[in-house]
């Protein structure tokens, strides 16, 4: 490590974060050929492979993951040095966040402006289909999940609780059989997720409402389900913080059906140890805690626990 220079390691960090040579080159203001040459030189100097090349890009190897912390420390030290104000912005970095689309809407609408003001050198990449990504391949930096990860080199931190209810339009309820208990829902058109595409146990709402229930209008998108309910096509389970924006929606069985779910922030422990990642996590936790009631996560109170999941 004593022979490593920041000039080489900034190329290494750019590839770790961008996962593609061309994108890393754009961040550094150079060509992908130069980036490839620097990575090859670094691998030769260390006598180890730092990346596995595959069709999806450059995946860090275990040896690469061990180098990240050293490179981050050197980067932080480089930031403290005087810099030419006219220099190209080589410190820009992307931050890939994978999250359910409901949370992504909340984040983009209410938290993103403050996030950009707080972290002007971060370029957020929001992925709203986390089921297509692999946690083990580290295809995102930070994950917002509905269930904590309790094994492997990951740590999950509880962000916020939110409530869900059954909803329908008044016109639909007037023309449909009465609903006095969950069993009555068997006589109704139910709107919900496609079973084989439920990527988290926490999304399996209907089994909790009434185990025999199955959706008859199905979508992998919560906003498609919302549209179906608002069009009077049936009864669906929706997060309160989304449904509350539409006064025409009516809660069904409010005293009998109330589901609670939790958003968890999950991150690889190596990334969690880095200063900039910890700052982002602290921002997200504090922003949700401060604005919980405003964001209407729950109709009664915004319960925002700050405890962590048990260590893996």
C-alpha atoms as a PDB file:
ATOM      1  CA  UNK A   1       0.000   0.000   0.000  1.00  0.00           C
ATOM      2  CA  UNK A   2       2.915   2.366   0.646  1.00  0.00           C
ATOM      3  CA  UNK A   3       3.585   2.630  -3.113  1.00  0.00           C
ATOM      4  CA  UNK A   4       0.008   3.500  -4.045  1.00  0.00           C
ATOM      5  CA  UNK A   5      -0.751   7.043  -5.144  1.00  0.00           C
ATOM      6  CA  UNK A   6      -4.006   8.966  -5.037  1.00  0.00           C
ATOM      7  CA  UNK A   7      -3.605   9.580  -8.764  1.00  0.00           C
ATOM      8  CA  UNK A   8      -4.122   5.835  -9.353  1.00  0.00           C
ATOM      9  CA  UNK A   9      -6.710   5.260  -6.644  1.00  0.00           C
ATOM     10  CA  UNK A  10      -9.104   7.933  -7.897  1.00  0.00           C
ATOM     11  CA  UNK A  11      -9.488   5.851 -11.059  1.00  0.00           C
ATOM     12  CA  UNK A  12     -10.089   2.780  -8.914  1.00  0.00           C
ATOM     13  CA  UNK A  13     -12.826   4.537  -6.877  1.00  0.00           C
ATOM     14  CA  UNK A  14     -14.500   5.880  -9.995  1.00  0.00           C
ATOM     15  CA  UNK A  15     -14.832   2.364 -11.422  1.00  0.00           C
ATOM     16  CA  UNK A  16     -16.087   1.010  -8.074  1.00  0.00           C
ATOM     17  CA  UNK A  17     -18.838   3.645  -7.998  1.00  0.00           C
ATOM     18  CA  UNK A  18     -19.736   3.833 -11.674  1.00  0.00           C
ATOM     19  CA  UNK A  19     -19.213   0.137 -12.537  1.00  0.00           C
ATOM     20  CA  UNK A  20     -18.424   1.043 -16.140  1.00  0.00           C
ATOM     21  CA  UNK A  21     -15.224   2.389 -17.666  1.00  0.00           C
ATOM     22  CA  UNK A  22     -17.011   4.913 -19.861  1.00  0.00           C
ATOM     23  CA  UNK A  23     -18.997   6.369 -16.977  1.00  0.00           C
ATOM     24  CA  UNK A  24     -15.910   6.476 -14.773  1.00  0.00           C
ATOM     25  CA  UNK A  25     -14.098   8.294 -17.561  1.00  0.00           C
ATOM     26  CA  UNK A  26     -16.845  10.912 -17.811  1.00  0.00           C
ATOM     27  CA  UNK A  27     -16.682  11.537 -14.056  1.00  0.00           C
ATOM     28  CA  UNK A  28     -12.899  11.965 -14.224  1.00  0.00           C
ATOM     29  CA  UNK A  29     -12.921  13.930 -17.453  1.00  0.00           C
ATOM     30  CA  UNK A  30     -10.931  11.374 -19.432  1.00  0.00           C
ATOM     31  CA  UNK A  31     -11.459   8.452 -21.802  1.00  0.00           C
ATOM     32  CA  UNK A  32     -12.424   4.896 -20.965  1.00  0.00           C
ATOM     33  CA  UNK A  33      -9.124   3.766 -22.509  1.00  0.00           C
ATOM     34  CA  UNK A  34      -7.199   5.794 -19.945  1.00  0.00           C
ATOM     35  CA  UNK A  35      -9.334   4.386 -17.122  1.00  0.00           C
ATOM     36  CA  UNK A  36      -8.725   0.820 -18.316  1.00  0.00           C
ATOM     37  CA  UNK A  37      -4.983   1.473 -18.541  1.00  0.00           C
ATOM     38  CA  UNK A  38      -4.886   2.852 -14.972  1.00  0.00           C
ATOM     39  CA  UNK A  39      -6.850  -0.094 -13.577  1.00  0.00           C
ATOM     40  CA  UNK A  40      -4.526  -2.538 -15.337  1.00  0.00           C
ATOM     41  CA  UNK A  41      -1.512  -0.720 -13.913  1.00  0.00           C
ATOM     42  CA  UNK A  42      -2.974  -0.788 -10.408  1.00  0.00           C
ATOM     43  CA  UNK A  43      -3.758  -4.498 -10.639  1.00  0.00           C
ATOM     44  CA  UNK A  44      -0.200  -5.198 -11.783  1.00  0.00           C
ATOM     45  CA  UNK A  45       1.218  -3.135  -8.932  1.00  0.00           C
ATOM     46  CA  UNK A  46      -0.862  -5.032  -6.381  1.00  0.00           C
ATOM     47  CA  UNK A  47      -0.494  -8.363  -8.180  1.00  0.00           C
ATOM     48  CA  UNK A  48      -4.216  -9.022  -7.757  1.00  0.00           C
ATOM     49  CA  UNK A  49      -7.423  -8.729  -9.718  1.00  0.00           C
ATOM     50  CA  UNK A  50      -9.579  -5.844  -8.514  1.00  0.00           C
ATOM     51  CA  UNK A  51     -12.588  -6.327 -10.782  1.00  0.00           C
ATOM     52  CA  UNK A  52     -14.462  -9.131 -12.495  1.00  0.00           C
ATOM     53  CA  UNK A  53     -15.491  -8.099 -15.994  1.00  0.00           C
ATOM     54  CA  UNK A  54     -18.987  -9.224 -17.027  1.00  0.00           C
ATOM     55  CA  UNK A  55     -21.768  -7.924 -19.316  1.00  0.00           C
ATOM     56  CA  UNK A  56     -23.207  -5.799 -16.501  1.00  0.00           C
ATOM     57  CA  UNK A  57     -19.943  -3.990 -15.902  1.00  0.00           C
ATOM     58  CA  UNK A  58     -17.020  -4.147 -13.485  1.00  0.00           C
ATOM     59  CA  UNK A  59     -17.824  -5.999 -10.250  1.00  0.00           C
ATOM     60  CA  UNK A  60     -15.426  -5.471  -7.314  1.00  0.00           C
ATOM     61  CA  UNK A  61     -13.561  -8.567  -6.130  1.00  0.00           C
ATOM     62  CA  UNK A  62     -12.977  -9.265  -2.404  1.00  0.00           C
ATOM     63  CA  UNK A  63      -9.499  -7.771  -2.785  1.00  0.00           C
ATOM     64  CA  UNK A  64     -11.064  -4.651  -4.274  1.00  0.00           C
ATOM     65  CA  UNK A  65     -13.474  -4.307  -1.372  1.00  0.00           C
ATOM     66  CA  UNK A  66     -10.569  -4.344   1.060  1.00  0.00           C
ATOM     67  CA  UNK A  67      -8.923  -1.507  -0.866  1.00  0.00           C
ATOM     68  CA  UNK A  68     -11.967   0.777  -0.825  1.00  0.00           C
ATOM     69  CA  UNK A  69     -11.445   2.031   2.724  1.00  0.00           C
ATOM     70  CA  UNK A  70      -7.826   2.957   2.066  1.00  0.00           C
ATOM     71  CA  UNK A  71      -8.785   4.747  -1.136  1.00  0.00           C
ATOM     72  CA  UNK A  72     -11.614   6.619   0.601  1.00  0.00           C
ATOM     73  CA  UNK A  73      -9.231   7.825   3.306  1.00  0.00           C
ATOM     74  CA  UNK A  74      -6.844   9.125   0.673  1.00  0.00           C
ATOM     75  CA  UNK A  75      -9.727  10.796  -1.132  1.00  0.00           C
ATOM     76  CA  UNK A  76     -10.812  12.559   2.060  1.00  0.00           C
ATOM     77  CA  UNK A  77      -7.265  13.757   2.613  1.00  0.00           C
ATOM     78  CA  UNK A  78      -7.075  15.024  -0.968  1.00  0.00           C
ATOM     79  CA  UNK A  79     -10.215  17.073  -0.385  1.00  0.00           C
ATOM     80  CA  UNK A  80      -8.454  19.024   2.335  1.00  0.00           C
ATOM     81  CA  UNK A  81      -5.792  20.264  -0.078  1.00  0.00           C
ATOM     82  CA  UNK A  82      -6.207  23.649  -1.813  1.00  0.00           C
ATOM     83  CA  UNK A  83      -7.682  23.179  -5.262  1.00  0.00           C
ATOM     84  CA  UNK A  84      -7.752  25.259  -8.417  1.00  0.00           C
ATOM     85  CA  UNK A  85     -11.243  26.786  -8.599  1.00  0.00           C
ATOM     86  CA  UNK A  86     -11.154  26.404 -12.363  1.00  0.00           C
ATOM     87  CA  UNK A  87     -10.371  22.702 -12.272  1.00  0.00           C
ATOM     88  CA  UNK A  88     -12.824  20.134 -13.595  1.00  0.00           C
ATOM     89  CA  UNK A  89     -15.143  18.681 -10.920  1.00  0.00           C
ATOM     90  CA  UNK A  90     -13.381  15.350 -10.484  1.00  0.00           C
ATOM     91  CA  UNK A  91     -14.998  14.721  -7.108  1.00  0.00           C
ATOM     92  CA  UNK A  92     -18.486  14.025  -8.469  1.00  0.00           C
ATOM     93  CA  UNK A  93     -19.706  10.526  -7.621  1.00  0.00           C
ATOM     94  CA  UNK A  94     -22.855   8.557  -8.276  1.00  0.00           C
ATOM     95  CA  UNK A  95     -24.901   7.047  -5.467  1.00  0.00           C
ATOM     96  CA  UNK A  96     -27.174   4.201  -6.458  1.00  0.00           C
ATOM     97  CA  UNK A  97     -30.246   3.777  -4.252  1.00  0.00           C
ATOM     98  CA  UNK A  98     -32.628   0.850  -4.703  1.00  0.00           C
ATOM     99  CA  UNK A  99     -36.071   1.342  -3.167  1.00  0.00           C
ATOM    100  CA  UNK A 100     -39.728   0.379  -3.582  1.00  0.00           C
ATOM    101  CA  UNK A 101     -41.543   2.787  -5.874  1.00  0.00           C
ATOM    102  CA  UNK A 102     -43.771   4.079  -3.082  1.00  0.00           C
ATOM    103  CA  UNK A 103     -40.773   5.164  -1.039  1.00  0.00           C
ATOM    104  CA  UNK A 104     -39.078   6.468  -4.191  1.00  0.00           C
ATOM    105  CA  UNK A 105     -42.048   8.770  -4.808  1.00  0.00           C
ATOM    106  CA  UNK A 106     -41.890  10.013  -1.222  1.00  0.00           C
ATOM    107  CA  UNK A 107     -38.121  10.516  -1.485  1.00  0.00           C
ATOM    108  CA  UNK A 108     -38.242  12.339  -4.831  1.00  0.00           C
ATOM    109  CA  UNK A 109     -41.117  14.605  -3.811  1.00  0.00           C
ATOM    110  CA  UNK A 110     -40.170  15.501  -0.252  1.00  0.00           C
ATOM    111  CA  UNK A 111     -36.525  14.650   0.442  1.00  0.00           C
ATOM    112  CA  UNK A 112     -34.593  14.955  -2.816  1.00  0.00           C
ATOM    113  CA  UNK A 113     -34.278  18.784  -2.861  1.00  0.00           C
ATOM    114  CA  UNK A 114     -32.769  18.819   0.636  1.00  0.00           C
ATOM    115  CA  UNK A 115     -30.607  15.808  -0.275  1.00  0.00           C
ATOM    116  CA  UNK A 116     -29.146  17.621  -3.295  1.00  0.00           C
ATOM    117  CA  UNK A 117     -28.498  20.736  -1.230  1.00  0.00           C
ATOM    118  CA  UNK A 118     -26.765  18.689   1.475  1.00  0.00           C
ATOM    119  CA  UNK A 119     -24.708  16.532  -0.942  1.00  0.00           C
ATOM    120  CA  UNK A 120     -24.009  18.652  -4.045  1.00  0.00           C
ATOM    121  CA  UNK A 121     -21.256  16.305  -5.260  1.00  0.00           C
ATOM    122  CA  UNK A 122     -23.457  13.207  -5.252  1.00  0.00           C
ATOM    123  CA  UNK A 123     -25.379  12.111  -8.328  1.00  0.00           C
ATOM    124  CA  UNK A 124     -28.299   9.985  -7.085  1.00  0.00           C
ATOM    125  CA  UNK A 125     -29.450   7.060  -9.223  1.00  0.00           C
ATOM    126  CA  UNK A 126     -32.861   5.806  -8.080  1.00  0.00           C
ATOM    127  CA  UNK A 127     -33.830   2.237  -8.950  1.00  0.00           C
ATOM    128  CA  UNK A 128     -37.472   1.469  -8.213  1.00  0.00           C
ATOM    129  CA  UNK A 129     -37.364  -2.215  -9.158  1.00  0.00           C
ATOM    130  CA  UNK A 130     -35.113  -3.623  -6.433  1.00  0.00           C
ATOM    131  CA  UNK A 131     -36.266  -7.157  -7.230  1.00  0.00           C
ATOM    132  CA  UNK A 132     -34.185  -7.118 -10.426  1.00  0.00           C
ATOM    133  CA  UNK A 133     -30.979  -6.340  -8.528  1.00  0.00           C
ATOM    134  CA  UNK A 134     -28.722  -8.602  -6.540  1.00  0.00           C
ATOM    135  CA  UNK A 135     -27.804  -7.604  -2.997  1.00  0.00           C
ATOM    136  CA  UNK A 136     -24.855  -9.985  -2.980  1.00  0.00           C
ATOM    137  CA  UNK A 137     -23.452  -8.461  -6.175  1.00  0.00           C
ATOM    138  CA  UNK A 138     -23.667  -4.980  -4.633  1.00  0.00           C
ATOM    139  CA  UNK A 139     -25.573  -3.579  -7.596  1.00  0.00           C
ATOM    140  CA  UNK A 140     -26.733  -0.683  -5.414  1.00  0.00           C
ATOM    141  CA  UNK A 141     -25.012   1.259  -2.649  1.00  0.00           C
ATOM    142  CA  UNK A 142     -28.006   1.730  -0.360  1.00  0.00           C
ATOM    143  CA  UNK A 143     -31.195  -0.322  -0.295  1.00  0.00           C
ATOM    144  CA  UNK A 144     -34.539   0.648   1.189  1.00  0.00           C
ATOM    145  CA  UNK A 145     -36.235  -2.633   2.035  1.00  0.00           C
ATOM    146  CA  UNK A 146     -39.405  -3.833   3.717  1.00  0.00           C
ATOM    147  CA  UNK A 147     -37.633  -6.515   5.694  1.00  0.00           C
ATOM    148  CA  UNK A 148     -34.290  -6.341   7.516  1.00  0.00           C
ATOM    149  CA  UNK A 149     -31.333  -8.341   6.263  1.00  0.00           C
ATOM    150  CA  UNK A 150     -30.040 -10.420   9.173  1.00  0.00           C
ATOM    151  CA  UNK A 151     -27.289 -12.475   7.554  1.00  0.00           C
ATOM    152  CA  UNK A 152     -24.167 -11.861   5.552  1.00  0.00           C
ATOM    153  CA  UNK A 153     -22.027  -8.706   5.607  1.00  0.00           C
ATOM    154  CA  UNK A 154     -25.001  -6.341   5.733  1.00  0.00           C
ATOM    155  CA  UNK A 155     -26.517  -4.074   8.316  1.00  0.00           C
ATOM    156  CA  UNK A 156     -30.147  -2.938   8.305  1.00  0.00           C
ATOM    157  CA  UNK A 157     -31.275   0.184  10.135  1.00  0.00           C
ATOM    158  CA  UNK A 158     -34.925   0.880  10.872  1.00  0.00           C
ATOM    159  CA  UNK A 159     -36.065   4.083   9.156  1.00  0.00           C
ATOM    160  CA  UNK A 160     -39.822   4.462   9.614  1.00  0.00           C
ATOM    161  CA  UNK A 161     -43.059   2.612  10.234  1.00  0.00           C
ATOM    162  CA  UNK A 162     -46.038   3.285   7.986  1.00  0.00           C
ATOM    163  CA  UNK A 163     -49.593   2.016   7.905  1.00  0.00           C
ATOM    164  CA  UNK A 164     -51.731   0.494   5.167  1.00  0.00           C
ATOM    165  CA  UNK A 165     -55.496   0.087   4.882  1.00  0.00           C
ATOM    166  CA  UNK A 166     -58.105  -1.335   2.584  1.00  0.00           C
ATOM    167  CA  UNK A 167     -59.424   1.332   0.213  1.00  0.00           C
ATOM    168  CA  UNK A 168     -62.256   1.622  -2.287  1.00  0.00           C
ATOM    169  CA  UNK A 169     -64.258   4.353  -3.977  1.00  0.00           C
ATOM    170  CA  UNK A 170     -67.663   5.199  -2.438  1.00  0.00           C
ATOM    171  CA  UNK A 171     -69.432   4.519  -5.750  1.00  0.00           C
ATOM    172  CA  UNK A 172     -67.970   1.017  -5.862  1.00  0.00           C
ATOM    173  CA  UNK A 173     -69.040   0.321  -2.282  1.00  0.00           C
ATOM    174  CA  UNK A 174     -72.593   1.525  -2.929  1.00  0.00           C
ATOM    175  CA  UNK A 175     -73.104  -0.964  -5.751  1.00  0.00           C
ATOM    176  CA  UNK A 176     -71.222  -3.907  -4.205  1.00  0.00           C
ATOM    177  CA  UNK A 177     -72.173  -6.329  -1.410  1.00  0.00           C
ATOM    178  CA  UNK A 178     -71.652  -4.877   2.079  1.00  0.00           C
ATOM    179  CA  UNK A 179     -68.301  -5.423   3.772  1.00  0.00           C
ATOM    180  CA  UNK A 180     -68.709  -5.983   7.495  1.00  0.00           C
ATOM    181  CA  UNK A 181     -65.763  -8.295   8.108  1.00  0.00           C
ATOM    182  CA  UNK A 182     -62.683  -9.481   6.190  1.00  0.00           C
ATOM    183  CA  UNK A 183     -64.485 -12.653   5.059  1.00  0.00           C
ATOM    184  CA  UNK A 184     -66.926 -10.498   3.060  1.00  0.00           C
ATOM    185  CA  UNK A 185     -64.078  -9.475   0.771  1.00  0.00           C
ATOM    186  CA  UNK A 186     -64.371 -12.846  -0.957  1.00  0.00           C
ATOM    187  CA  UNK A 187     -67.401 -11.443  -2.772  1.00  0.00           C
ATOM    188  CA  UNK A 188     -65.437  -8.492  -4.126  1.00  0.00           C
ATOM    189  CA  UNK A 189     -62.920  -7.755  -6.833  1.00  0.00           C
ATOM    190  CA  UNK A 190     -59.565  -7.463  -5.090  1.00  0.00           C
ATOM    191  CA  UNK A 191     -56.693  -5.395  -6.462  1.00  0.00           C
ATOM    192  CA  UNK A 192     -53.167  -6.436  -5.495  1.00  0.00           C
ATOM    193  CA  UNK A 193     -49.743  -7.702  -6.461  1.00  0.00           C
ATOM    194  CA  UNK A 194     -48.860 -10.506  -8.876  1.00  0.00           C
ATOM    195  CA  UNK A 195     -48.027 -13.308  -6.451  1.00  0.00           C
ATOM    196  CA  UNK A 196     -44.894 -14.615  -8.156  1.00  0.00           C
ATOM    197  CA  UNK A 197     -43.520 -11.063  -8.438  1.00  0.00           C
ATOM    198  CA  UNK A 198     -43.805 -10.218  -4.740  1.00  0.00           C
ATOM    199  CA  UNK A 199     -40.143  -9.537  -4.007  1.00  0.00           C
ATOM    200  CA  UNK A 200     -40.501  -9.051  -0.232  1.00  0.00           C
ATOM    201  CA  UNK A 201     -42.628 -10.941   2.321  1.00  0.00           C
ATOM    202  CA  UNK A 202     -43.877  -7.590   3.607  1.00  0.00           C
ATOM    203  CA  UNK A 203     -45.789  -7.027   0.352  1.00  0.00           C
ATOM    204  CA  UNK A 204     -47.953 -10.110   0.835  1.00  0.00           C
ATOM    205  CA  UNK A 205     -50.782  -8.035   2.314  1.00  0.00           C
ATOM    206  CA  UNK A 206     -53.772 -10.193   1.421  1.00  0.00           C
ATOM    207  CA  UNK A 207     -52.679 -13.213   3.454  1.00  0.00           C
ATOM    208  CA  UNK A 208     -52.652 -10.968   6.496  1.00  0.00           C
ATOM    209  CA  UNK A 209     -56.044  -9.405   5.735  1.00  0.00           C
ATOM    210  CA  UNK A 210     -57.740 -12.768   5.105  1.00  0.00           C
ATOM    211  CA  UNK A 211     -55.617 -15.811   4.128  1.00  0.00           C
ATOM    212  CA  UNK A 212     -57.898 -17.181   1.363  1.00  0.00           C
ATOM    213  CA  UNK A 213     -58.003 -13.848  -0.482  1.00  0.00           C
ATOM    214  CA  UNK A 214     -56.402 -13.628  -3.917  1.00  0.00           C
ATOM    215  CA  UNK A 215     -56.149 -10.602  -6.162  1.00  0.00           C
ATOM    216  CA  UNK A 216     -58.203 -10.591  -9.349  1.00  0.00           C
ATOM    217  CA  UNK A 217     -56.733  -7.363 -10.746  1.00  0.00           C
ATOM    218  CA  UNK A 218     -52.955  -7.622 -10.414  1.00  0.00           C
ATOM    219  CA  UNK A 219     -49.997  -5.339 -10.974  1.00  0.00           C
ATOM    220  CA  UNK A 220     -46.395  -5.196  -9.823  1.00  0.00           C
ATOM    221  CA  UNK A 221     -46.817  -1.413  -9.424  1.00  0.00           C
ATOM    222  CA  UNK A 222     -48.446   0.148  -6.367  1.00  0.00           C
ATOM    223  CA  UNK A 223     -49.405   3.154  -8.491  1.00  0.00           C
ATOM    224  CA  UNK A 224     -51.182   0.945 -11.023  1.00  0.00           C
ATOM    225  CA  UNK A 225     -53.076  -0.598  -8.108  1.00  0.00           C
ATOM    226  CA  UNK A 226     -53.915   2.888  -6.849  1.00  0.00           C
ATOM    227  CA  UNK A 227     -55.274   3.843 -10.278  1.00  0.00           C
ATOM    228  CA  UNK A 228     -57.440   0.717 -10.390  1.00  0.00           C
ATOM    229  CA  UNK A 229     -58.913   1.464  -6.954  1.00  0.00           C
ATOM    230  CA  UNK A 230     -59.532   5.115  -7.870  1.00  0.00           C
ATOM    231  CA  UNK A 231     -61.299   3.994 -11.052  1.00  0.00           C
ATOM    232  CA  UNK A 232     -63.760   2.024  -8.928  1.00  0.00           C
ATOM    233  CA  UNK A 233     -62.580  -1.407 -10.039  1.00  0.00           C
ATOM    234  CA  UNK A 234     -62.428  -2.966  -6.586  1.00  0.00           C
ATOM    235  CA  UNK A 235     -60.819  -2.972  -3.140  1.00  0.00           C
ATOM    236  CA  UNK A 236     -57.062  -2.715  -2.618  1.00  0.00           C
ATOM    237  CA  UNK A 237     -54.476  -2.374   0.122  1.00  0.00           C
ATOM    238  CA  UNK A 238     -52.648   0.951  -0.115  1.00  0.00           C
ATOM    239  CA  UNK A 239     -50.158   2.830   2.064  1.00  0.00           C
ATOM    240  CA  UNK A 240     -51.868   5.618   3.950  1.00  0.00           C
ATOM    241  CA  UNK A 241     -49.236   8.171   2.962  1.00  0.00           C
ATOM    242  CA  UNK A 242     -50.093   7.580  -0.708  1.00  0.00           C
ATOM    243  CA  UNK A 243     -53.870   7.153  -0.444  1.00  0.00           C
ATOM    244  CA  UNK A 244     -54.305  10.189   1.837  1.00  0.00           C
ATOM    245  CA  UNK A 245     -53.573  12.446  -1.130  1.00  0.00           C
ATOM    246  CA  UNK A 246     -56.865  11.387  -2.727  1.00  0.00           C
ATOM    247  CA  UNK A 247     -59.831  12.440  -0.540  1.00  0.00           C
ATOM    248  CA  UNK A 248     -62.267  10.435  -2.674  1.00  0.00           C
ATOM    249  CA  UNK A 249     -60.826   7.136  -1.433  1.00  0.00           C
ATOM    250  CA  UNK A 250     -62.602   5.528   1.502  1.00  0.00           C
ATOM    251  CA  UNK A 251     -60.994   3.276   4.109  1.00  0.00           C
ATOM    252  CA  UNK A 252     -62.756  -0.094   4.298  1.00  0.00           C
ATOM    253  CA  UNK A 253     -63.005  -1.894   7.659  1.00  0.00           C
ATOM    254  CA  UNK A 254     -60.985   0.802   9.437  1.00  0.00           C
ATOM    255  CA  UNK A 255     -61.430  -0.809  12.859  1.00  0.00           C
ATOM    256  CA  UNK A 256     -60.590  -4.334  11.716  1.00  0.00           C
ATOM    257  CA  UNK A 257     -57.855  -4.036   9.092  1.00  0.00           C
ATOM    258  CA  UNK A 258     -54.786  -1.919   9.713  1.00  0.00           C
ATOM    259  CA  UNK A 259     -51.403  -3.178   8.561  1.00  0.00           C
ATOM    260  CA  UNK A 260     -48.065  -1.803   9.696  1.00  0.00           C
ATOM    261  CA  UNK A 261     -44.861  -2.097   7.718  1.00  0.00           C
ATOM    262  CA  UNK A 262     -41.354  -0.762   8.208  1.00  0.00           C
ATOM    263  CA  UNK A 263     -38.870   0.766   5.821  1.00  0.00           C
ATOM    264  CA  UNK A 264     -35.341  -0.483   6.522  1.00  0.00           C
ATOM    265  CA  UNK A 265     -32.127   0.970   5.184  1.00  0.00           C
ATOM    266  CA  UNK A 266     -29.674  -1.778   4.262  1.00  0.00           C
ATOM    267  CA  UNK A 267     -26.033  -1.294   3.371  1.00  0.00           C
ATOM    268  CA  UNK A 268     -22.930  -3.454   3.110  1.00  0.00           C
ATOM    269  CA  UNK A 269     -20.887  -3.072   6.272  1.00  0.00           C
ATOM    270  CA  UNK A 270     -17.801  -2.040   4.263  1.00  0.00           C
ATOM    271  CA  UNK A 271     -19.676   0.877   2.727  1.00  0.00           C
ATOM    272  CA  UNK A 272     -21.303   1.697   6.050  1.00  0.00           C
ATOM    273  CA  UNK A 273     -17.861   2.245   7.529  1.00  0.00           C
ATOM    274  CA  UNK A 274     -17.085   5.025   5.051  1.00  0.00           C
ATOM    275  CA  UNK A 275     -17.655   8.592   6.110  1.00  0.00           C
ATOM    276  CA  UNK A 276     -19.696   9.773   3.136  1.00  0.00           C
ATOM    277  CA  UNK A 277     -22.036   6.772   3.277  1.00  0.00           C
ATOM    278  CA  UNK A 278     -22.644   7.279   6.985  1.00  0.00           C
ATOM    279  CA  UNK A 279     -23.493  10.937   6.313  1.00  0.00           C
ATOM    280  CA  UNK A 280     -26.081   9.960   3.711  1.00  0.00           C
ATOM    281  CA  UNK A 281     -27.650   7.396   6.046  1.00  0.00           C
ATOM    282  CA  UNK A 282     -27.775   9.903   8.900  1.00  0.00           C
ATOM    283  CA  UNK A 283     -29.453  12.431   6.605  1.00  0.00           C
ATOM    284  CA  UNK A 284     -32.163   9.994   5.491  1.00  0.00           C
ATOM    285  CA  UNK A 285     -32.914   8.858   9.044  1.00  0.00           C
ATOM    286  CA  UNK A 286     -33.071  12.413  10.393  1.00  0.00           C
ATOM    287  CA  UNK A 287     -35.184  13.715   7.501  1.00  0.00           C
ATOM    288  CA  UNK A 288     -37.795  11.005   7.923  1.00  0.00           C
ATOM    289  CA  UNK A 289     -37.847  11.478  11.683  1.00  0.00           C
ATOM    290  CA  UNK A 290     -38.308  15.244  11.432  1.00  0.00           C
ATOM    291  CA  UNK A 291     -40.950  15.135   8.705  1.00  0.00           C
ATOM    292  CA  UNK A 292     -42.825  11.987   9.681  1.00  0.00           C
ATOM    293  CA  UNK A 293     -46.137  13.672  10.538  1.00  0.00           C
ATOM    294  CA  UNK A 294     -45.950  15.984   7.547  1.00  0.00           C
ATOM    295  CA  UNK A 295     -45.404  12.992   5.259  1.00  0.00           C
ATOM    296  CA  UNK A 296     -48.463  11.256   6.765  1.00  0.00           C
ATOM    297  CA  UNK A 297     -46.862   7.877   7.149  1.00  0.00           C
ATOM    298  CA  UNK A 298     -49.658   6.968   9.562  1.00  0.00           C
ATOM    299  CA  UNK A 299     -53.159   8.458  10.057  1.00  0.00           C
ATOM    300  CA  UNK A 300     -52.789   8.628  13.845  1.00  0.00           C
ATOM    301  CA  UNK A 301     -49.121   9.276  14.477  1.00  0.00           C
ATOM    302  CA  UNK A 302     -45.835   8.965  12.635  1.00  0.00           C
ATOM    303  CA  UNK A 303     -43.983   6.260  14.487  1.00  0.00           C
ATOM    304  CA  UNK A 304     -40.368   6.528  13.530  1.00  0.00           C
ATOM    305  CA  UNK A 305     -38.232   4.145  15.593  1.00  0.00           C
ATOM    306  CA  UNK A 306     -34.517   4.601  15.436  1.00  0.00           C
ATOM    307  CA  UNK A 307     -33.371   1.215  16.674  1.00  0.00           C
ATOM    308  CA  UNK A 308     -31.280  -1.066  14.504  1.00  0.00           C
ATOM    309  CA  UNK A 309     -31.883  -4.642  13.556  1.00  0.00           C
ATOM    310  CA  UNK A 310     -29.956  -7.209  15.585  1.00  0.00           C
ATOM    311  CA  UNK A 311     -26.392  -7.459  14.267  1.00  0.00           C
ATOM    312  CA  UNK A 312     -25.843 -10.192  11.705  1.00  0.00           C
END
